[in-house]
Protein backbone atom coordinates (compact mmCIF):
# COMPACT_ATOMS: atom_id res chain seq x y z
CA MET A 1 -34.44 50.34 30.45
CA SER A 2 -34.19 50.19 26.47
CA ASP A 3 -36.89 48.85 25.61
CA VAL A 4 -39.09 50.53 27.50
CA VAL A 5 -40.27 53.99 26.69
CA VAL A 6 -40.52 55.32 30.25
CA SER A 7 -43.42 57.81 30.02
CA ILE A 8 -45.81 58.99 27.21
CA ARG A 9 -49.22 60.26 26.51
CA VAL A 10 -51.68 59.57 23.98
CA SER A 11 -54.61 60.85 22.39
CA PRO A 12 -57.36 58.67 20.36
CA GLU A 13 -57.80 59.22 16.46
CA GLY A 14 -61.71 58.71 16.16
CA ASN A 15 -62.58 55.11 18.06
CA LEU A 16 -63.21 56.71 21.34
CA ASP A 17 -63.24 59.99 22.71
CA ILE A 18 -64.60 60.61 25.76
CA LEU A 19 -65.41 58.34 28.82
CA SER A 20 -68.12 58.42 31.77
CA GLN A 21 -66.32 59.14 35.04
CA GLU A 22 -67.75 55.94 35.82
CA GLU A 23 -66.38 54.14 33.15
CA VAL A 24 -63.01 55.68 33.63
CA ASN A 25 -63.21 53.94 37.31
CA LYS A 26 -64.03 50.53 36.46
CA LEU A 27 -60.66 50.48 33.68
CA LEU A 28 -58.77 51.84 37.19
CA ASP A 29 -59.92 49.54 39.55
CA THR A 30 -57.62 46.29 40.53
CA SER A 31 -60.56 44.83 42.38
CA GLN A 32 -61.19 41.42 41.12
CA GLY A 33 -64.39 43.45 39.36
CA GLY A 34 -62.38 45.58 37.96
CA LEU A 35 -61.41 46.08 34.96
CA TYR A 36 -57.55 47.10 35.29
CA HIS A 37 -56.13 44.20 34.71
CA LEU A 38 -57.76 42.62 31.35
CA PHE A 39 -57.00 45.96 29.96
CA ARG A 40 -53.28 46.64 31.07
CA THR A 41 -52.67 42.46 29.44
CA CYS A 42 -54.37 44.05 26.20
CA SER A 43 -52.41 47.00 25.63
CA LEU A 44 -49.66 45.77 26.61
CA ALA A 45 -49.78 42.39 24.18
CA VAL A 46 -51.05 45.25 21.28
CA LEU A 47 -47.99 47.27 22.19
CA ASN A 48 -45.73 45.26 21.95
CA CYS A 49 -46.49 43.79 18.34
CA GLY A 50 -43.70 41.85 16.43
CA ALA A 51 -42.08 40.77 19.27
CA ASP A 52 -40.57 37.09 19.03
CA THR A 53 -43.07 35.15 21.94
CA ASP A 54 -46.18 32.94 22.59
CA ASP A 55 -45.76 33.36 26.12
CA VAL A 56 -48.62 35.15 27.65
CA ARG A 57 -46.59 34.95 31.50
CA GLN A 58 -43.11 36.30 29.67
CA LEU A 59 -44.26 39.49 27.89
CA LEU A 60 -46.02 40.26 32.00
CA ARG A 61 -42.81 39.88 33.92
CA ASP A 62 -40.48 41.67 31.40
CA PHE A 63 -43.04 44.68 31.71
CA SER A 64 -44.26 44.08 34.75
CA ASN A 65 -43.70 47.89 35.15
CA PHE A 66 -45.59 48.67 32.99
CA GLU A 67 -49.04 50.73 33.37
CA ILE A 68 -51.83 51.94 32.02
CA LYS A 69 -54.32 55.02 32.73
CA VAL A 70 -57.23 56.97 31.79
CA LEU A 71 -57.00 61.20 32.06
CA GLN A 72 -60.31 62.62 31.14
CA GLU A 73 -59.03 66.33 30.49
CA GLU A 74 -60.60 69.24 28.97
CA ARG A 75 -60.30 68.30 25.48
CA GLY A 76 -61.37 65.12 26.45
CA LEU A 77 -59.57 61.18 26.52
CA ARG A 78 -55.90 60.68 26.50
CA LEU A 79 -54.02 57.66 27.23
CA GLU A 80 -51.21 57.96 30.07
CA LEU A 81 -48.24 55.11 29.77
CA SER A 82 -45.67 54.03 31.63
CA ASN A 83 -42.61 51.76 30.91
CA ALA A 84 -44.24 51.11 27.72
CA PRO A 85 -42.30 48.85 25.24
CA ALA A 86 -39.52 50.38 22.39
CA VAL A 87 -40.84 48.56 19.72
CA ALA A 88 -43.97 50.52 19.29
CA PHE A 89 -42.65 53.84 19.52
CA VAL A 90 -40.43 55.82 16.03
CA ASP A 91 -38.47 59.19 17.43
CA GLY A 92 -40.95 58.96 20.50
CA LYS A 93 -44.32 59.00 19.23
CA MET A 94 -46.54 55.83 18.82
CA ILE A 95 -46.71 53.68 15.14
CA LYS A 96 -50.15 55.24 14.33
CA GLY A 97 -51.65 51.46 13.79
CA ILE A 98 -50.75 50.88 16.83
CA LYS A 99 -52.56 53.28 18.73
CA GLU A 100 -55.26 52.48 16.45
CA HIS A 101 -54.83 49.30 18.39
CA LEU A 102 -54.62 50.38 21.83
CA PHE A 103 -58.18 52.14 21.06
CA SER A 104 -59.84 49.64 19.41
CA VAL A 105 -58.93 47.24 22.91
CA LEU A 106 -60.37 50.20 24.79
CA ARG A 107 -63.70 50.54 23.05
CA ASP A 108 -64.30 46.75 23.01
CA ILE A 109 -63.53 45.80 26.76
CA ILE A 110 -65.90 49.14 27.48
CA TYR A 111 -68.64 48.04 25.43
CA VAL A 112 -68.73 44.52 26.52
CA ASN A 113 -68.29 45.21 29.96
CA ASN A 114 -71.24 47.81 29.98
CA GLU A 115 -73.46 46.81 26.74
CA ILE A 116 -73.41 43.09 26.55
CA THR A 117 -71.46 41.29 29.37
CA LYS A 118 -74.16 43.38 32.05
CA ASN A 119 -76.90 44.51 29.24
CA PRO A 120 -79.99 41.55 30.60
CA GLY A 121 -81.64 42.23 27.12
CA PHE A 122 -79.18 39.80 25.82
CA ASP A 123 -79.93 35.94 26.89
CA PHE A 124 -76.78 34.43 26.44
CA GLU A 125 -78.71 30.85 28.04
CA THR A 126 -80.55 30.68 24.76
CA SER A 127 -78.34 30.77 21.11
CA GLU A 128 -80.21 33.78 19.82
CA GLY A 129 -78.75 36.09 22.17
CA ALA A 130 -75.60 34.44 21.99
CA THR A 131 -76.11 35.80 18.14
CA ASP A 132 -76.85 38.43 18.70
CA ALA A 133 -74.36 39.71 21.26
CA VAL A 134 -71.61 39.12 19.25
CA PHE A 135 -73.44 40.70 15.62
CA HIS A 136 -74.14 44.27 18.43
CA ILE A 137 -70.18 43.40 18.76
CA LEU A 138 -69.46 43.66 15.39
CA ARG A 139 -71.52 46.07 14.63
CA ASN A 140 -70.26 48.89 17.46
CA ALA A 141 -66.77 48.24 15.60
CA HIS A 142 -68.03 49.09 12.43
CA ALA A 143 -66.18 45.40 11.34
CA LEU A 144 -70.00 45.33 9.32
CA ARG A 145 -70.09 47.06 6.44
CA SER A 146 -73.59 46.68 4.11
CA ARG A 147 -74.26 46.89 0.53
CA THR A 148 -71.33 45.35 -0.07
CA PRO A 149 -70.82 42.01 -2.02
CA PRO A 150 -69.66 38.94 -0.02
CA ASN A 151 -65.62 39.33 -0.78
CA ILE A 152 -64.01 38.20 2.98
CA VAL A 153 -62.07 35.81 3.45
CA VAL A 154 -61.20 34.20 6.49
CA CYS A 155 -57.65 32.57 6.74
CA TRP A 156 -56.84 29.83 10.13
CA GLY A 157 -53.43 28.64 10.13
CA GLY A 158 -50.49 28.35 12.91
CA HIS A 159 -48.35 31.20 14.75
CA ALA A 160 -45.78 28.92 14.19
CA ILE A 161 -44.23 27.95 11.62
CA GLU A 162 -41.35 28.35 9.60
CA ARG A 163 -40.31 31.01 6.72
CA PRO A 164 -41.79 28.64 3.99
CA GLU A 165 -44.91 28.20 4.91
CA TYR A 166 -45.33 31.43 5.72
CA GLU A 167 -44.49 32.81 2.66
CA TYR A 168 -46.73 29.72 0.98
CA THR A 169 -49.16 32.19 2.77
CA LYS A 170 -48.22 35.51 1.56
CA GLU A 171 -48.87 33.53 -2.21
CA VAL A 172 -52.11 32.80 -1.37
CA GLY A 173 -53.17 36.04 0.33
CA TYR A 174 -51.37 37.71 -2.75
CA GLU A 175 -54.03 36.23 -5.25
CA LEU A 176 -56.54 37.05 -2.96
CA GLY A 177 -55.87 40.36 -2.93
CA LEU A 178 -55.82 40.59 -6.80
CA ARG A 179 -59.55 39.42 -7.09
CA GLY A 180 -60.83 41.94 -4.34
CA MET A 181 -60.95 39.97 -1.73
CA ASP A 182 -60.61 41.23 2.00
CA ILE A 183 -58.60 39.30 4.73
CA CYS A 184 -59.77 38.81 8.26
CA THR A 185 -57.03 36.13 10.26
CA GLY A 186 -56.61 36.16 14.15
CA CYS A 187 -54.52 38.76 13.98
CA GLY A 188 -51.47 37.12 14.88
CA PRO A 189 -48.26 36.10 13.40
CA GLY A 190 -47.71 33.30 10.84
CA ALA A 191 -50.52 32.71 8.90
CA MET A 192 -52.21 35.21 10.40
CA LYS A 193 -50.31 37.70 9.50
CA GLY A 194 -48.51 36.24 5.96
CA PRO A 195 -52.14 35.91 3.99
CA MET A 196 -52.61 40.01 4.57
CA LYS A 197 -49.14 40.60 3.47
CA GLY A 198 -49.59 38.95 0.73
CA ALA A 199 -52.98 40.93 -0.21
CA THR A 200 -51.48 44.28 0.73
CA ILE A 201 -49.52 43.59 -2.64
CA GLY A 202 -52.48 42.32 -4.96
CA HIS A 203 -54.86 45.47 -3.50
CA SER A 204 -52.27 47.80 -4.20
CA LYS A 205 -51.62 46.29 -7.62
CA GLN A 206 -55.63 46.37 -8.71
CA ARG A 207 -54.93 50.11 -6.98
CA ILE A 208 -57.53 49.25 -4.10
CA ARG A 209 -57.14 51.04 -1.86
CA THR A 210 -60.30 50.44 0.24
CA GLY A 211 -58.44 46.30 1.39
CA ARG A 212 -59.60 45.44 4.90
CA TYR A 213 -57.48 43.65 7.16
CA ILE A 214 -59.60 42.09 10.35
CA GLY A 215 -58.09 40.78 13.04
CA LEU A 216 -60.77 38.97 15.85
CA THR A 217 -58.93 37.88 19.41
CA GLU A 218 -59.79 37.63 22.50
CA PRO A 219 -58.26 38.76 26.04
CA GLY A 220 -57.47 35.19 26.35
CA ILE A 221 -54.74 34.87 23.50
CA ILE A 222 -54.49 38.17 22.76
CA GLY A 223 -50.73 38.34 24.82
CA ALA A 224 -49.39 35.29 22.86
CA GLU A 225 -50.61 36.43 20.05
CA ALA A 226 -50.85 40.40 19.49
CA PRO A 227 -52.43 41.69 16.56
CA ASN A 228 -49.13 41.59 13.82
CA PRO A 229 -49.26 45.31 11.99
CA ILE A 230 -51.03 45.05 8.88
CA VAL A 231 -54.82 44.86 10.80
CA ASN A 232 -56.49 47.48 10.49
CA GLU A 233 -58.97 47.02 11.56
CA LEU A 234 -58.96 44.95 15.16
CA VAL A 235 -62.35 43.69 17.62
CA ILE A 236 -61.19 42.15 20.73
CA LEU A 237 -64.61 39.91 21.41
CA PRO A 238 -65.18 38.75 25.18
CA ASP A 239 -64.36 34.45 24.57
CA ILE A 240 -62.92 32.36 22.92
CA GLU A 241 -66.60 30.75 21.82
CA LYS A 242 -67.81 34.39 20.68
CA ARG A 243 -64.71 34.98 18.64
CA LEU A 244 -65.32 31.15 16.74
CA GLU A 245 -68.81 32.80 15.76
CA ALA A 246 -67.53 36.29 14.70
CA PHE A 247 -65.26 34.46 12.48
CA VAL A 248 -67.97 32.30 10.53
CA ARG A 249 -70.49 34.82 10.26
CA ILE A 250 -68.32 37.18 8.80
CA ALA A 251 -66.78 34.64 7.05
CA HIS A 252 -67.77 34.34 3.26
CA GLY A 253 -64.94 31.30 2.83
CA ILE A 254 -62.42 29.59 4.33
CA ILE A 255 -58.86 28.81 4.18
CA VAL A 256 -56.85 25.76 6.39
CA PHE A 257 -52.98 26.51 6.30
CA PRO A 258 -51.14 24.65 8.37
CA GLY A 259 -51.22 25.08 12.27
CA GLY A 260 -51.62 23.71 15.31
CA ALA A 261 -53.25 22.67 18.70
CA GLY A 262 -55.86 26.41 18.02
CA THR A 263 -56.25 26.11 14.31
CA MET A 264 -57.70 22.19 14.77
CA GLU A 265 -59.74 23.50 17.25
CA GLU A 266 -60.89 25.99 14.83
CA ILE A 267 -62.13 23.62 11.66
CA LEU A 268 -63.86 20.87 14.30
CA TYR A 269 -65.06 24.21 15.65
CA LEU A 270 -66.23 24.63 12.32
CA LEU A 271 -67.46 21.04 10.84
CA GLY A 272 -69.49 20.96 13.94
CA ILE A 273 -71.41 23.58 12.76
CA LEU A 274 -71.83 22.60 8.91
CA LEU A 275 -72.31 19.57 10.33
CA HIS A 276 -75.40 20.05 11.97
CA PRO A 277 -78.40 19.11 9.88
CA ASP A 278 -80.01 22.74 9.46
CA ASN A 279 -76.61 23.59 7.52
CA LYS A 280 -77.05 20.85 4.78
CA SER A 281 -77.44 22.97 2.19
CA LEU A 282 -75.78 26.30 2.88
CA PRO A 283 -72.95 27.25 1.07
CA TYR A 284 -69.53 27.62 2.50
CA PRO A 285 -66.21 27.08 0.32
CA ILE A 286 -63.78 25.78 2.88
CA VAL A 287 -60.57 25.17 1.51
CA PHE A 288 -57.15 23.70 3.27
CA THR A 289 -54.07 24.14 1.52
CA GLY A 290 -50.22 24.45 1.75
CA SER A 291 -47.08 23.56 0.03
CA GLU A 292 -45.87 20.88 -1.58
CA SER A 293 -43.81 20.27 2.05
CA ASN A 294 -47.60 20.31 3.93
CA ARG A 295 -49.18 17.36 1.58
CA ASN A 296 -48.27 14.70 4.55
CA TYR A 297 -49.55 17.32 6.75
CA PHE A 298 -53.31 17.68 5.42
CA GLU A 299 -53.26 14.07 4.78
CA ARG A 300 -53.64 14.08 8.80
CA VAL A 301 -55.55 15.89 9.24
CA ASP A 302 -57.51 14.39 6.64
CA LYS A 303 -57.69 11.70 8.73
CA PHE A 304 -58.89 12.12 11.24
CA ILE A 305 -61.12 14.07 10.46
CA GLY A 306 -62.77 10.70 8.95
CA GLN A 307 -61.33 9.00 11.27
CA THR A 308 -63.84 11.14 13.85
CA LEU A 309 -66.61 12.67 12.56
CA GLY A 310 -66.48 10.66 8.48
CA SER A 311 -66.68 11.16 5.45
CA GLU A 312 -69.71 13.98 5.91
CA ALA A 313 -67.10 16.17 7.22
CA GLN A 314 -64.63 15.50 4.97
CA ASN A 315 -66.84 16.33 2.09
CA ARG A 316 -67.57 20.22 3.39
CA TYR A 317 -63.81 21.18 2.60
CA GLU A 318 -60.84 20.53 -0.55
CA ILE A 319 -57.43 19.90 -0.63
CA ILE A 320 -55.51 22.01 -3.08
CA ILE A 321 -51.86 21.48 -2.26
CA ASP A 322 -49.39 24.68 -3.22
CA ASP A 323 -51.46 26.28 -5.91
CA PRO A 324 -52.51 29.45 -4.48
CA VAL A 325 -54.26 30.30 -7.97
CA GLU A 326 -56.17 27.41 -7.61
CA VAL A 327 -57.19 28.23 -4.11
CA ALA A 328 -57.96 32.00 -4.79
CA ASN A 329 -60.13 31.15 -7.98
CA THR A 330 -62.19 28.38 -6.24
CA LEU A 331 -62.38 31.01 -3.11
CA LEU A 332 -64.13 33.42 -5.81
CA ALA A 333 -66.53 30.55 -7.37
CA GLY A 334 -67.40 30.20 -3.99
CA LEU A 335 -68.44 33.50 -3.09
CA ARG A 336 -70.18 33.48 -6.04
CA ARG A 337 -72.55 30.87 -4.98
CA VAL A 338 -72.53 32.32 -1.72
CA ARG A 339 -74.27 35.61 -2.82
CA LYS A 340 -76.71 34.03 -5.21
CA PHE A 341 -77.76 32.11 -2.23
CA ARG A 342 -78.37 34.52 0.12
CA LYS A 343 -79.93 37.07 -2.60
CA ALA A 344 -82.02 34.19 -2.89
CA ARG A 345 -83.41 33.91 0.46
CA GLY A 346 -82.65 37.63 1.77
CA ASP A 347 -79.53 37.13 4.37
CA ALA A 348 -77.13 39.42 4.00
CA TYR A 349 -74.10 39.34 3.07
CA PHE A 350 -72.40 41.02 6.26
CA PHE A 351 -73.43 38.43 8.92
CA SER A 352 -74.79 34.89 8.08
CA TRP A 353 -77.92 35.06 9.75
CA MET A 354 -79.40 31.57 8.59
CA LEU A 355 -76.55 29.51 9.56
CA LYS A 356 -78.10 27.17 12.19
CA MET A 357 -75.31 27.53 15.70
CA HIS A 358 -75.93 25.47 18.51
CA HIS A 359 -75.81 26.13 22.24
CA GLU A 360 -73.20 23.84 22.62
CA PHE A 361 -70.55 25.67 20.76
CA GLN A 362 -71.95 29.49 22.24
CA GLN A 363 -70.95 28.48 26.01
CA PRO A 364 -68.74 29.56 27.38
CA PHE A 365 -65.81 26.30 28.33
CA SER A 366 -63.60 27.15 30.78
CA PRO A 367 -60.49 24.39 30.49
CA THR A 368 -60.36 23.55 34.56
CA HIS A 369 -59.34 19.83 35.15
CA GLU A 370 -62.52 19.47 36.16
CA ASN A 371 -64.42 20.37 33.10
CA VAL A 372 -62.03 18.45 31.07
CA ALA A 373 -62.34 15.00 32.62
CA LYS A 374 -66.14 15.90 31.31
CA LEU A 375 -66.25 15.71 27.68
CA ASN A 376 -67.63 13.51 26.21
CA ILE A 377 -65.09 11.88 23.27
CA SER A 378 -67.58 9.19 22.28
CA ARG A 379 -69.07 8.00 19.36
CA ASP A 380 -73.21 7.50 21.72
CA GLN A 381 -73.89 11.30 20.46
CA PRO A 382 -74.23 13.08 16.46
CA LYS A 383 -71.45 13.48 15.50
CA TYR A 384 -71.77 18.16 15.54
CA LYS A 385 -71.97 17.53 19.09
CA LEU A 386 -68.66 15.06 18.95
CA ALA A 387 -67.25 17.79 17.05
CA ALA A 388 -68.53 20.00 19.57
CA ASP A 389 -66.70 18.03 22.57
CA LEU A 390 -63.76 17.46 20.12
CA ARG A 391 -62.85 21.76 19.50
CA ARG A 392 -63.58 21.74 23.49
CA ALA A 393 -60.28 19.01 23.62
CA PHE A 394 -58.18 21.20 22.02
CA SER A 395 -59.46 23.79 22.99
CA CYS A 396 -57.53 22.77 27.17
CA ILE A 397 -54.40 22.33 24.91
CA VAL A 398 -54.24 25.70 23.98
CA ALA A 399 -54.92 27.32 27.02
CA GLY A 400 -52.41 24.77 28.48
CA ASN A 401 -49.86 26.16 26.05
CA VAL A 402 -49.95 29.50 26.02
CA LYS A 403 -52.99 31.02 28.11
CA GLU A 404 -52.49 32.77 31.74
CA ALA A 405 -54.49 31.10 33.08
CA GLY A 406 -54.52 27.69 31.92
CA ILE A 407 -50.37 27.52 32.14
CA ARG A 408 -51.84 28.34 35.83
CA ALA A 409 -54.39 25.57 36.12
CA VAL A 410 -51.21 22.77 34.39
CA GLU A 411 -48.51 24.12 36.47
CA GLU A 412 -51.03 23.73 39.79
CA HIS A 413 -52.97 20.50 38.80
CA GLY A 414 -50.70 18.48 36.71
CA ASN A 415 -50.86 17.88 33.07
CA TYR A 416 -54.68 17.64 31.35
CA ARG A 417 -55.72 14.36 31.57
CA LEU A 418 -58.26 13.71 28.03
CA THR A 419 -60.61 10.22 28.57
CA GLY A 420 -62.40 8.79 25.94
CA ASN A 421 -63.09 6.22 22.71
CA PRO A 422 -59.52 4.48 22.56
CA LYS A 423 -59.65 5.01 18.79
CA ILE A 424 -60.25 8.32 18.88
CA MET A 425 -57.71 8.74 21.22
CA ALA A 426 -55.22 6.46 19.77
CA ALA A 427 -56.69 9.23 16.28
CA MET A 428 -55.41 11.94 19.16
CA ASP A 429 -52.45 10.98 19.79
CA GLU A 430 -51.21 10.76 16.40
CA LEU A 431 -52.28 13.88 15.14
CA LEU A 432 -51.06 15.40 18.65
CA GLN A 433 -47.89 14.01 17.80
CA SER A 434 -47.36 14.88 14.48
CA PHE A 435 -48.47 18.15 15.73
CA VAL A 436 -45.22 17.78 17.87
CA ASP A 437 -42.63 16.38 16.04
CA GLU A 438 -43.03 19.54 13.36
CA LYS A 439 -42.83 22.09 16.22
CA ARG A 440 -45.94 23.48 15.02
CA MET A 441 -46.78 23.97 18.76
CA LYS A 442 -44.38 26.32 20.02
CA LEU A 443 -42.36 28.82 18.34
CA PRO A 444 -39.32 27.72 16.93
CA GLY A 445 -36.53 27.43 18.37
CA GLN A 446 -38.61 26.97 21.46
CA THR A 447 -38.37 24.30 24.04
CA TYR A 448 -42.63 22.45 23.99
CA THR A 449 -43.45 20.43 27.21
CA PRO A 450 -47.34 18.80 26.52
CA CYS A 451 -49.94 19.96 29.19
CA TYR A 452 -52.20 17.25 28.41
CA GLU A 453 -52.52 13.08 28.59
CA LEU A 454 -54.66 10.79 26.64
CA VAL A 455 -56.35 8.39 28.43
CA ASN A 456 -58.47 6.02 26.76
CA SER A 457 -62.00 4.21 28.45
CA GLN A 458 -63.61 1.46 27.17
CA ALA A 459 -66.80 3.11 28.91
CA LYS A 460 -66.64 5.29 26.28
CA THR A 461 -67.90 4.16 23.10
């Protein structure tokens, strides 16, 4: 096959040099309790960087013969790859950035399995225990830097965006880079790649050689949103909730570009946390931005937030249209407020310990049909709890769109059925239909088949 490299061995470059025999055995274990399937899927996604697909099952079918083995040799660890995507190689040698990502996969899978999941020291039944686990995963990946002023801007937005929208994200990233800000995204294509690409030029003009382009992902989505080539720090969190918490803990400010259900999930997660009474005074700069052609998009998103979470949530963000310079200056001013606030209260610059995280936002949500049916999408609860269940509703749509387990569940049991307050359901229907009409649920050119049904319930007030 011309699109694969038949066989090659690669050595790590500083990420992970040695493994125990027990760790090797777990990575090669193909049983249900073993790590091989997880390791193989994440590794294949990394090696397929740049491919135009967001279908993890198609990726697995296209490279069904791909294999990866861990070899213990006298000089240390090596990986043996068979039938790997040729796009990861140049003249028979693996691209250096992709090699770094490959060993980041190995590092995080081993660390989470050995030191987090099976460690009785982490009490995942408490909010503090979950946060501590996120901290340790980020620290092990060297993603936390002390003695550095707040300068990390998390950028959210869709992977399925058109070229003009992508160019706008680059312009914003460029202005951020000129002002010395580093970029963190979900590490995939589209609005996750554009800000990083723009920032590289801004950093280069300012002769900043230590620019950080942090990519945070998780096993369920990495196949659909493979790390883009600019990411120079890749971290794989064990689930979507820990990934989202990692975003909001290391961010000093957040920019939201146009996107689909996944972007809406992130917005609801963030607003739900900030709506908690304990976070009322916490400075957290948030900007929604896009080009002039996206004005209606953000009007619809703002309208939906107002209809569901109210004006208090709307007051937590600014909407800036078609002005990258204003976006960058707004974030810069916001980062100064964050620095002053954290310095006065002794909170770390590199990880926001003061941010109150309700446990509902940390519990892993499995998007089964049974769990989706139990969601409380009603107004008879605090706004931050409604945001938590709305976030889960959008999470199930993301799962049905791009995650292997979610796609399989929809095939076996039919569409997810989301039931709730009629007015909220009507608002969701309007928003989601606009995402479908604008082709924000799949890459351009691909046909979208809805994986959900919205059902009004008079019982849910």
